[in-house]
């Protein structure tokens, strides 16, 4: 049957990681600025609260307006971040791939999602849910402080970049229009 379509469901999750997958996940976490300050032992503790999912192309990971409940780390594949305005016009804001992460603000404020995340290709994603991280921080406050410092640093970096972009738009664009 050449035209047979295989449908994968992300409902079924592999709850058990092989040692190779665990090592791969530790290596992925080490490259993410949020976890820079964590030791190997800290990462081993953190891995216990991480959930792994596989999404098929075009599958919705989360929808704009959904409650922000976790941080997503792309282990393989591509994810598109898309925002819809009041006129129902959708715009792609970013495309993320292996090693990238998104949704980190949910770990801080738990507010509604400001955009949607859609699997562009088949994706393997590791997720840290806010309730699990809150429990982890309560159990391991020193490790939690390291993670929160990493999140704060990332937010500060993104805010500085946003300020630069705003400044460029505000002050450089009118000059170019007058030319």
N, C-alpha and C. Protein backbone atom coordinates (compact mmCIF):
# COMPACT_ATOMS: atom_id res chain seq x y z
N UNK A 1 0.83 -1.17 0.00
CA UNK A 1 0.00 0.00 0.00
C UNK A 1 0.88 1.24 0.00
N UNK A 2 1.14 1.77 -1.16
CA UNK A 2 2.03 2.90 -1.30
C UNK A 2 1.45 4.19 -0.73
N UNK A 3 0.15 4.37 -0.82
CA UNK A 3 -0.48 5.61 -0.37
C UNK A 3 -0.92 5.57 1.08
N UNK A 4 -0.57 4.52 1.80
CA UNK A 4 -0.97 4.40 3.19
C UNK A 4 -0.29 5.48 4.01
N UNK A 5 -1.09 6.21 4.78
CA UNK A 5 -0.56 7.29 5.61
C UNK A 5 -0.43 6.81 7.05
N UNK A 6 0.74 7.00 7.61
CA UNK A 6 0.97 6.60 9.00
C UNK A 6 0.73 7.82 9.88
N UNK A 7 -0.10 7.65 10.87
CA UNK A 7 -0.39 8.74 11.80
C UNK A 7 0.24 8.39 13.14
N UNK A 8 1.07 9.31 13.63
CA UNK A 8 1.70 9.13 14.94
C UNK A 8 0.93 9.95 15.95
N UNK A 9 0.71 9.41 17.09
CA UNK A 9 0.02 10.15 18.15
C UNK A 9 1.02 10.51 19.23
N UNK A 10 1.02 11.78 19.61
CA UNK A 10 1.91 12.20 20.69
C UNK A 10 1.31 11.85 22.06
N UNK A 11 0.13 11.25 22.06
CA UNK A 11 -0.48 10.82 23.30
C UNK A 11 0.36 9.75 23.98
N UNK A 12 0.93 8.86 23.17
CA UNK A 12 1.73 7.77 23.71
C UNK A 12 3.16 8.25 23.88
N UNK A 13 3.62 8.28 25.09
CA UNK A 13 4.93 8.81 25.41
C UNK A 13 5.80 7.71 25.98
N UNK A 14 7.07 7.71 25.59
CA UNK A 14 8.01 6.77 26.17
C UNK A 14 8.49 7.35 27.50
N UNK A 15 8.07 6.76 28.59
CA UNK A 15 8.41 7.29 29.90
C UNK A 15 9.80 6.86 30.38
N UNK A 16 10.41 5.94 29.68
CA UNK A 16 11.71 5.44 30.10
C UNK A 16 12.77 5.84 29.10
N UNK A 17 13.80 6.52 29.57
CA UNK A 17 14.88 6.95 28.70
C UNK A 17 16.02 5.94 28.76
N UNK A 18 16.58 5.64 27.60
CA UNK A 18 17.76 4.79 27.58
C UNK A 18 18.95 5.62 28.04
N UNK A 19 20.05 5.00 28.47
CA UNK A 19 21.23 5.76 28.90
C UNK A 19 21.74 6.71 27.81
N UNK A 20 21.66 6.29 26.56
CA UNK A 20 22.10 7.15 25.45
C UNK A 20 21.24 8.40 25.36
N UNK A 21 19.91 8.22 25.49
CA UNK A 21 19.01 9.36 25.44
C UNK A 21 19.26 10.31 26.61
N UNK A 22 19.54 9.74 27.79
CA UNK A 22 19.80 10.56 28.96
C UNK A 22 21.07 11.38 28.77
N UNK A 23 22.12 10.76 28.23
CA UNK A 23 23.36 11.48 27.95
C UNK A 23 23.13 12.58 26.93
N UNK A 24 22.35 12.27 25.88
CA UNK A 24 22.03 13.25 24.86
C UNK A 24 21.26 14.42 25.46
N UNK A 25 20.33 14.12 26.35
CA UNK A 25 19.54 15.17 26.99
C UNK A 25 20.42 16.03 27.89
N UNK A 26 21.32 15.42 28.64
CA UNK A 26 22.26 16.19 29.48
C UNK A 26 23.09 17.13 28.62
N UNK A 27 23.59 16.62 27.49
CA UNK A 27 24.39 17.45 26.59
C UNK A 27 23.56 18.60 26.03
N UNK A 28 22.30 18.32 25.69
CA UNK A 28 21.42 19.38 25.20
C UNK A 28 21.20 20.44 26.28
N UNK A 29 20.96 20.01 27.49
CA UNK A 29 20.72 20.95 28.58
C UNK A 29 21.94 21.82 28.87
N UNK A 30 23.13 21.24 28.76
CA UNK A 30 24.36 22.00 29.01
C UNK A 30 24.53 23.17 28.06
N UNK A 31 23.99 23.04 26.84
CA UNK A 31 24.16 24.10 25.84
C UNK A 31 23.13 25.22 25.99
N UNK A 32 22.14 25.02 26.85
CA UNK A 32 21.08 26.02 27.03
C UNK A 32 21.48 26.96 28.16
N UNK A 33 21.49 28.27 27.87
CA UNK A 33 21.93 29.24 28.88
C UNK A 33 21.19 29.16 30.21
N UNK A 34 19.96 28.70 30.21
CA UNK A 34 19.19 28.62 31.45
C UNK A 34 19.80 27.66 32.44
N UNK A 35 20.56 26.69 31.93
CA UNK A 35 21.11 25.64 32.78
C UNK A 35 22.63 25.67 32.85
N UNK A 36 23.24 26.78 32.44
CA UNK A 36 24.70 26.93 32.43
C UNK A 36 25.35 26.67 33.78
N UNK A 37 24.70 27.09 34.83
CA UNK A 37 25.31 27.01 36.17
C UNK A 37 25.16 25.65 36.82
N UNK A 38 24.41 24.75 36.20
CA UNK A 38 24.16 23.45 36.81
C UNK A 38 25.32 22.48 36.60
N UNK A 39 25.60 21.70 37.62
CA UNK A 39 26.63 20.66 37.53
C UNK A 39 26.02 19.42 36.88
N UNK A 40 26.85 18.43 36.61
CA UNK A 40 26.34 17.16 36.05
C UNK A 40 25.35 16.51 37.00
N UNK A 41 25.64 16.58 38.28
CA UNK A 41 24.74 16.02 39.29
C UNK A 41 23.40 16.77 39.29
N UNK A 42 23.46 18.10 39.19
CA UNK A 42 22.24 18.91 39.12
C UNK A 42 21.41 18.51 37.90
N UNK A 43 22.08 18.33 36.76
CA UNK A 43 21.38 17.95 35.53
C UNK A 43 20.72 16.58 35.67
N UNK A 44 21.39 15.67 36.35
CA UNK A 44 20.81 14.35 36.57
C UNK A 44 19.51 14.45 37.38
N UNK A 45 19.50 15.34 38.36
CA UNK A 45 18.29 15.55 39.16
C UNK A 45 17.19 16.18 38.30
N UNK A 46 17.58 17.15 37.48
CA UNK A 46 16.62 17.86 36.64
C UNK A 46 15.98 16.94 35.60
N UNK A 47 16.76 16.04 35.06
CA UNK A 47 16.26 15.13 34.01
C UNK A 47 15.07 14.31 34.51
N UNK A 48 15.03 14.06 35.80
CA UNK A 48 13.93 13.26 36.36
C UNK A 48 12.57 13.93 36.21
N UNK A 49 12.54 15.25 36.03
CA UNK A 49 11.24 15.94 35.90
C UNK A 49 10.92 16.32 34.44
N UNK A 50 11.78 15.91 33.53
CA UNK A 50 11.58 16.26 32.11
C UNK A 50 10.72 15.21 31.43
N UNK A 51 9.78 15.69 30.64
CA UNK A 51 8.89 14.83 29.86
C UNK A 51 9.28 14.94 28.39
N UNK A 52 9.24 13.83 27.68
CA UNK A 52 9.60 13.81 26.26
C UNK A 52 8.38 13.52 25.42
N UNK A 53 8.27 14.24 24.32
CA UNK A 53 7.14 14.06 23.40
C UNK A 53 7.65 14.11 21.97
N UNK A 54 6.93 13.45 21.10
CA UNK A 54 7.19 13.54 19.67
C UNK A 54 5.95 14.14 19.02
N UNK A 55 6.15 15.15 18.19
CA UNK A 55 5.06 15.80 17.48
C UNK A 55 5.24 15.55 15.99
N UNK A 56 4.14 15.37 15.29
CA UNK A 56 4.17 15.16 13.84
C UNK A 56 4.07 16.51 13.15
N UNK A 57 4.49 16.59 11.88
CA UNK A 57 4.41 17.87 11.15
C UNK A 57 3.00 18.47 11.21
N UNK A 58 2.94 19.75 11.42
CA UNK A 58 1.73 20.59 11.54
C UNK A 58 0.97 20.38 12.85
N UNK A 59 1.46 19.53 13.75
CA UNK A 59 0.78 19.34 15.03
C UNK A 59 1.00 20.55 15.92
N UNK A 60 -0.07 20.99 16.57
CA UNK A 60 -0.02 22.13 17.47
C UNK A 60 0.63 21.70 18.79
N UNK A 61 1.69 22.39 19.18
CA UNK A 61 2.35 22.11 20.45
C UNK A 61 1.63 22.87 21.56
N UNK A 62 1.38 24.15 21.32
CA UNK A 62 0.48 24.92 22.16
C UNK A 62 -0.09 26.05 21.32
N UNK A 63 -1.22 26.57 21.76
CA UNK A 63 -1.96 27.58 21.01
C UNK A 63 -1.86 28.93 21.73
N UNK A 64 -1.79 29.99 20.94
CA UNK A 64 -1.81 31.35 21.49
C UNK A 64 -3.04 31.49 22.39
N UNK A 65 -2.83 31.99 23.60
CA UNK A 65 -3.92 32.13 24.55
C UNK A 65 -4.01 30.99 25.56
N UNK A 66 -3.34 29.85 25.26
CA UNK A 66 -3.31 28.75 26.22
C UNK A 66 -2.55 29.18 27.47
N UNK A 67 -2.82 28.55 28.60
CA UNK A 67 -2.00 28.84 29.78
C UNK A 67 -0.55 28.42 29.52
N UNK A 68 0.39 29.24 29.97
CA UNK A 68 1.80 28.91 29.83
C UNK A 68 2.20 27.96 30.93
N UNK A 69 2.46 26.71 30.56
CA UNK A 69 2.72 25.72 31.61
C UNK A 69 4.10 25.08 31.55
N UNK A 70 4.94 25.47 30.56
CA UNK A 70 6.23 24.82 30.52
C UNK A 70 7.20 25.38 29.51
N UNK A 71 8.43 24.93 29.63
CA UNK A 71 9.54 25.24 28.74
C UNK A 71 9.74 24.06 27.80
N UNK A 72 9.98 24.35 26.53
CA UNK A 72 10.15 23.31 25.52
C UNK A 72 11.57 23.38 24.96
N UNK A 73 12.22 22.22 24.89
CA UNK A 73 13.58 22.11 24.35
C UNK A 73 13.50 21.19 23.14
N UNK A 74 13.95 21.68 21.98
CA UNK A 74 13.87 20.87 20.77
C UNK A 74 15.08 19.95 20.71
N UNK A 75 14.81 18.66 20.71
CA UNK A 75 15.87 17.66 20.63
C UNK A 75 16.16 17.30 19.18
N UNK A 76 15.11 17.39 18.33
CA UNK A 76 15.24 17.09 16.91
C UNK A 76 14.04 17.68 16.19
N UNK A 77 14.25 18.19 14.98
CA UNK A 77 13.16 18.74 14.18
C UNK A 77 13.10 20.25 14.23
N UNK A 78 12.00 20.81 13.69
CA UNK A 78 11.81 22.25 13.64
C UNK A 78 10.43 22.63 14.15
N UNK A 79 10.38 23.76 14.84
CA UNK A 79 9.13 24.29 15.38
C UNK A 79 8.99 25.73 14.92
N UNK A 80 7.78 26.08 14.51
CA UNK A 80 7.48 27.44 14.09
C UNK A 80 6.67 28.13 15.18
N UNK A 81 7.05 29.37 15.49
CA UNK A 81 6.29 30.17 16.45
C UNK A 81 5.51 31.18 15.62
N UNK A 82 4.19 31.20 15.85
CA UNK A 82 3.29 31.98 15.02
C UNK A 82 2.35 32.79 15.92
N UNK A 83 2.11 34.03 15.53
CA UNK A 83 1.19 34.89 16.29
C UNK A 83 0.07 35.35 15.38
N UNK A 84 -1.13 35.36 15.95
CA UNK A 84 -2.31 35.80 15.21
C UNK A 84 -2.77 37.13 15.80
N UNK A 85 -3.06 38.12 14.92
CA UNK A 85 -3.51 39.41 15.43
C UNK A 85 -5.03 39.43 15.55
N UNK A 86 -5.59 40.58 15.93
CA UNK A 86 -7.04 40.72 16.15
C UNK A 86 -7.84 40.49 14.86
N UNK A 87 -7.20 40.68 13.70
CA UNK A 87 -7.87 40.47 12.41
C UNK A 87 -7.68 39.04 11.89
N UNK A 88 -7.22 38.14 12.74
CA UNK A 88 -6.97 36.73 12.40
C UNK A 88 -5.89 36.55 11.34
N UNK A 89 -4.98 37.50 11.25
CA UNK A 89 -3.84 37.39 10.34
C UNK A 89 -2.69 36.76 11.11
N UNK A 90 -2.15 35.65 10.57
CA UNK A 90 -1.07 34.94 11.24
C UNK A 90 0.28 35.35 10.66
N UNK A 91 1.26 35.48 11.53
CA UNK A 91 2.61 35.84 11.12
C UNK A 91 3.59 34.94 11.85
N UNK A 92 4.53 34.38 11.10
CA UNK A 92 5.58 33.57 11.71
C UNK A 92 6.60 34.49 12.36
N UNK A 93 6.82 34.29 13.65
CA UNK A 93 7.77 35.11 14.39
C UNK A 93 9.17 34.51 14.40
N UNK A 94 9.23 33.18 14.43
CA UNK A 94 10.53 32.50 14.52
C UNK A 94 10.38 31.04 14.12
N UNK A 95 11.50 30.48 13.70
CA UNK A 95 11.59 29.04 13.47
C UNK A 95 12.75 28.54 14.31
N UNK A 96 12.48 27.55 15.14
CA UNK A 96 13.49 26.98 16.02
C UNK A 96 13.81 25.57 15.58
N UNK A 97 15.06 25.14 15.86
CA UNK A 97 15.48 23.79 15.51
C UNK A 97 16.26 23.17 16.67
N UNK A 98 16.86 22.03 16.41
CA UNK A 98 17.56 21.25 17.43
C UNK A 98 18.46 22.14 18.29
N UNK A 99 18.28 21.99 19.61
CA UNK A 99 19.09 22.75 20.56
C UNK A 99 18.44 24.05 21.01
N UNK A 100 17.43 24.52 20.27
CA UNK A 100 16.74 25.74 20.65
C UNK A 100 15.69 25.43 21.72
N UNK A 101 15.24 26.46 22.40
CA UNK A 101 14.20 26.31 23.41
C UNK A 101 13.25 27.49 23.31
N UNK A 102 12.04 27.28 23.82
CA UNK A 102 11.04 28.34 23.81
C UNK A 102 10.06 28.09 24.94
N UNK A 103 9.32 29.14 25.31
CA UNK A 103 8.32 29.02 26.36
C UNK A 103 8.85 29.23 27.75
N UNK A 104 10.07 29.77 27.88
CA UNK A 104 10.68 29.90 29.20
C UNK A 104 9.96 30.89 30.11
N UNK A 105 9.24 31.86 29.55
CA UNK A 105 8.52 32.81 30.40
C UNK A 105 7.45 32.11 31.24
N UNK A 106 6.93 31.00 30.73
CA UNK A 106 5.92 30.25 31.48
C UNK A 106 6.48 29.74 32.81
N UNK A 107 7.78 29.54 32.88
CA UNK A 107 8.38 29.07 34.12
C UNK A 107 8.42 30.17 35.17
N UNK A 108 8.28 31.42 34.72
CA UNK A 108 8.35 32.55 35.63
C UNK A 108 6.96 33.06 35.99
N UNK A 109 6.14 33.32 34.97
CA UNK A 109 4.88 34.00 35.26
C UNK A 109 3.62 33.16 35.05
N UNK A 110 3.70 32.08 34.31
CA UNK A 110 2.53 31.24 34.09
C UNK A 110 1.40 31.92 33.34
N UNK A 111 1.69 33.04 32.67
CA UNK A 111 0.68 33.78 31.90
C UNK A 111 0.29 33.01 30.65
N UNK A 112 -0.73 33.52 29.95
CA UNK A 112 -1.18 32.89 28.71
C UNK A 112 -0.11 33.03 27.63
N UNK A 113 -0.10 32.06 26.72
CA UNK A 113 0.86 32.06 25.62
C UNK A 113 0.59 33.24 24.69
N UNK A 114 1.65 33.95 24.30
CA UNK A 114 1.51 35.11 23.43
C UNK A 114 1.56 34.71 21.96
N UNK A 115 1.85 33.45 21.70
CA UNK A 115 1.93 32.94 20.32
C UNK A 115 1.67 31.44 20.34
N UNK A 116 1.52 30.87 19.15
CA UNK A 116 1.34 29.42 19.02
C UNK A 116 2.65 28.78 18.59
N UNK A 117 2.83 27.53 18.96
CA UNK A 117 3.99 26.75 18.52
C UNK A 117 3.46 25.55 17.74
N UNK A 118 3.99 25.38 16.52
CA UNK A 118 3.54 24.33 15.62
C UNK A 118 4.75 23.53 15.13
N UNK A 119 4.64 22.23 15.15
CA UNK A 119 5.72 21.39 14.63
C UNK A 119 5.79 21.59 13.11
N UNK A 120 6.94 22.04 12.64
CA UNK A 120 7.13 22.23 11.20
C UNK A 120 7.52 20.90 10.55
N UNK A 121 8.29 20.12 11.29
CA UNK A 121 8.69 18.77 10.87
C UNK A 121 8.37 17.85 12.04
N UNK A 122 8.64 16.56 11.88
CA UNK A 122 8.52 15.69 13.05
C UNK A 122 9.52 16.19 14.07
N UNK A 123 9.09 16.34 15.31
CA UNK A 123 9.93 16.92 16.35
C UNK A 123 9.96 16.04 17.59
N UNK A 124 11.14 15.95 18.15
CA UNK A 124 11.29 15.37 19.48
C UNK A 124 11.55 16.54 20.41
N UNK A 125 10.71 16.66 21.43
CA UNK A 125 10.76 17.81 22.32
C UNK A 125 10.80 17.33 23.77
N UNK A 126 11.64 17.97 24.56
CA UNK A 126 11.68 17.73 26.00
C UNK A 126 11.01 18.91 26.67
N UNK A 127 10.18 18.62 27.66
CA UNK A 127 9.36 19.65 28.29
C UNK A 127 9.59 19.64 29.80
N UNK A 128 9.76 20.85 30.34
CA UNK A 128 9.81 21.02 31.79
C UNK A 128 8.56 21.81 32.16
N UNK A 129 7.64 21.15 32.87
CA UNK A 129 6.40 21.81 33.27
C UNK A 129 6.61 22.63 34.54
N UNK A 130 5.97 23.78 34.61
CA UNK A 130 6.12 24.70 35.74
C UNK A 130 5.84 24.04 37.09
N UNK A 131 4.75 23.28 37.25
CA UNK A 131 4.52 22.66 38.57
C UNK A 131 5.67 21.72 38.98
N UNK A 132 6.22 21.00 38.00
CA UNK A 132 7.35 20.11 38.30
C UNK A 132 8.59 20.91 38.70
N UNK A 133 8.83 22.02 37.98
CA UNK A 133 9.99 22.85 38.30
C UNK A 133 9.80 23.52 39.66
N UNK A 134 8.59 23.97 39.97
CA UNK A 134 8.33 24.58 41.28
C UNK A 134 8.62 23.59 42.40
N UNK A 135 8.21 22.35 42.21
CA UNK A 135 8.46 21.30 43.21
C UNK A 135 9.97 21.02 43.31
N UNK A 136 10.64 20.99 42.15
CA UNK A 136 12.10 20.78 42.10
C UNK A 136 12.81 21.89 42.88
N UNK A 137 12.39 23.14 42.67
CA UNK A 137 13.01 24.28 43.34
C UNK A 137 12.78 24.21 44.85
N UNK A 138 11.59 23.78 45.24
CA UNK A 138 11.29 23.64 46.67
C UNK A 138 12.17 22.56 47.31
N UNK A 139 12.38 21.48 46.55
CA UNK A 139 13.17 20.36 47.06
C UNK A 139 14.68 20.66 47.02
N UNK A 140 15.11 21.37 45.97
CA UNK A 140 16.54 21.69 45.78
C UNK A 140 16.70 23.20 45.57
N UNK A 141 16.57 24.00 46.63
CA UNK A 141 16.59 25.46 46.46
C UNK A 141 17.86 26.01 45.80
N UNK A 142 19.01 25.45 46.11
CA UNK A 142 20.26 25.95 45.50
C UNK A 142 20.28 25.72 43.99
N UNK A 143 19.82 24.55 43.58
CA UNK A 143 19.75 24.24 42.15
C UNK A 143 18.69 25.13 41.50
N UNK A 144 17.60 25.34 42.21
CA UNK A 144 16.52 26.18 41.70
C UNK A 144 16.98 27.61 41.48
N UNK A 145 17.76 28.12 42.40
CA UNK A 145 18.29 29.48 42.26
C UNK A 145 19.16 29.57 41.01
N UNK A 146 19.96 28.54 40.75
CA UNK A 146 20.79 28.54 39.54
C UNK A 146 19.93 28.60 38.28
N UNK A 147 18.85 27.83 38.27
CA UNK A 147 17.96 27.82 37.10
C UNK A 147 17.26 29.17 36.96
N UNK A 148 16.76 29.73 38.07
CA UNK A 148 16.08 31.02 38.02
C UNK A 148 17.04 32.13 37.60
N UNK A 149 18.31 32.04 38.02
CA UNK A 149 19.32 33.00 37.55
C UNK A 149 19.50 32.89 36.04
N UNK A 150 19.52 31.66 35.53
CA UNK A 150 19.65 31.44 34.09
C UNK A 150 18.46 32.01 33.33
N UNK A 151 17.26 31.80 33.85
CA UNK A 151 16.05 32.34 33.21
C UNK A 151 16.10 33.87 33.24
N UNK A 152 16.47 34.44 34.38
CA UNK A 152 16.55 35.90 34.50
C UNK A 152 17.56 36.48 33.52
N UNK A 153 18.69 35.82 33.38
CA UNK A 153 19.71 36.29 32.43
C UNK A 153 19.18 36.26 31.00
N UNK A 154 18.47 35.21 30.66
CA UNK A 154 17.92 35.08 29.31
C UNK A 154 16.87 36.16 29.05
N UNK A 155 16.01 36.39 30.01
CA UNK A 155 14.98 37.42 29.85
C UNK A 155 15.63 38.80 29.72
N UNK A 156 16.65 39.06 30.52
CA UNK A 156 17.35 40.35 30.43
C UNK A 156 18.01 40.52 29.06
N UNK A 157 18.63 39.46 28.56
CA UNK A 157 19.27 39.50 27.25
C UNK A 157 18.24 39.80 26.15
N UNK A 158 17.09 39.12 26.21
CA UNK A 158 16.05 39.34 25.20
C UNK A 158 15.46 40.74 25.32
N UNK A 159 15.32 41.26 26.54
CA UNK A 159 14.80 42.60 26.72
C UNK A 159 15.77 43.64 26.16
N UNK A 160 17.06 43.45 26.40
CA UNK A 160 18.06 44.36 25.82
C UNK A 160 18.00 44.37 24.30
N UNK A 161 17.87 43.18 23.72
CA UNK A 161 17.78 43.07 22.26
C UNK A 161 16.52 43.76 21.75
N UNK A 162 15.42 43.57 22.46
CA UNK A 162 14.16 44.22 22.09
C UNK A 162 14.30 45.74 22.17
N UNK A 163 14.97 46.24 23.21
CA UNK A 163 15.21 47.67 23.34
C UNK A 163 16.03 48.21 22.17
N UNK A 164 17.08 47.47 21.78
CA UNK A 164 17.90 47.87 20.62
C UNK A 164 17.07 47.92 19.35
N UNK A 165 16.25 46.88 19.14
CA UNK A 165 15.40 46.83 17.96
C UNK A 165 14.40 47.98 17.95
N UNK A 166 13.81 48.26 19.11
CA UNK A 166 12.87 49.37 19.22
C UNK A 166 13.56 50.69 18.91
N UNK A 167 14.73 50.89 19.48
CA UNK A 167 15.49 52.11 19.24
C UNK A 167 15.78 52.25 17.75
N UNK A 168 16.25 51.17 17.12
CA UNK A 168 16.54 51.21 15.68
C UNK A 168 15.30 51.57 14.87
N UNK A 169 14.18 50.97 15.20
CA UNK A 169 12.94 51.27 14.49
C UNK A 169 12.48 52.70 14.74
N UNK A 170 12.55 53.12 15.97
CA UNK A 170 12.06 54.43 16.36
C UNK A 170 12.89 55.57 15.77
N UNK A 171 14.21 55.42 15.77
CA UNK A 171 15.07 56.54 15.39
C UNK A 171 15.72 56.41 14.02
N UNK A 172 15.89 55.21 13.54
CA UNK A 172 16.55 55.06 12.24
C UNK A 172 15.58 54.99 11.08
N UNK A 173 14.41 54.46 11.30
CA UNK A 173 13.44 54.32 10.23
C UNK A 173 12.97 55.67 9.70
N UNK A 174 12.61 56.65 10.55
CA UNK A 174 12.17 57.94 10.02
C UNK A 174 13.24 58.62 9.16
N UNK A 175 14.52 58.45 9.52
CA UNK A 175 15.61 59.04 8.73
C UNK A 175 15.64 58.45 7.34
N UNK A 176 15.42 57.12 7.24
CA UNK A 176 15.46 56.46 5.94
C UNK A 176 14.26 56.88 5.10
N UNK A 177 13.09 57.13 5.72
CA UNK A 177 11.92 57.53 4.96
C UNK A 177 12.13 58.90 4.32
N UNK A 178 12.87 59.78 4.99
CA UNK A 178 13.11 61.12 4.48
C UNK A 178 14.10 61.18 3.34
N UNK A 179 14.81 60.12 3.09
CA UNK A 179 15.84 60.11 2.02
C UNK A 179 15.23 60.04 0.67
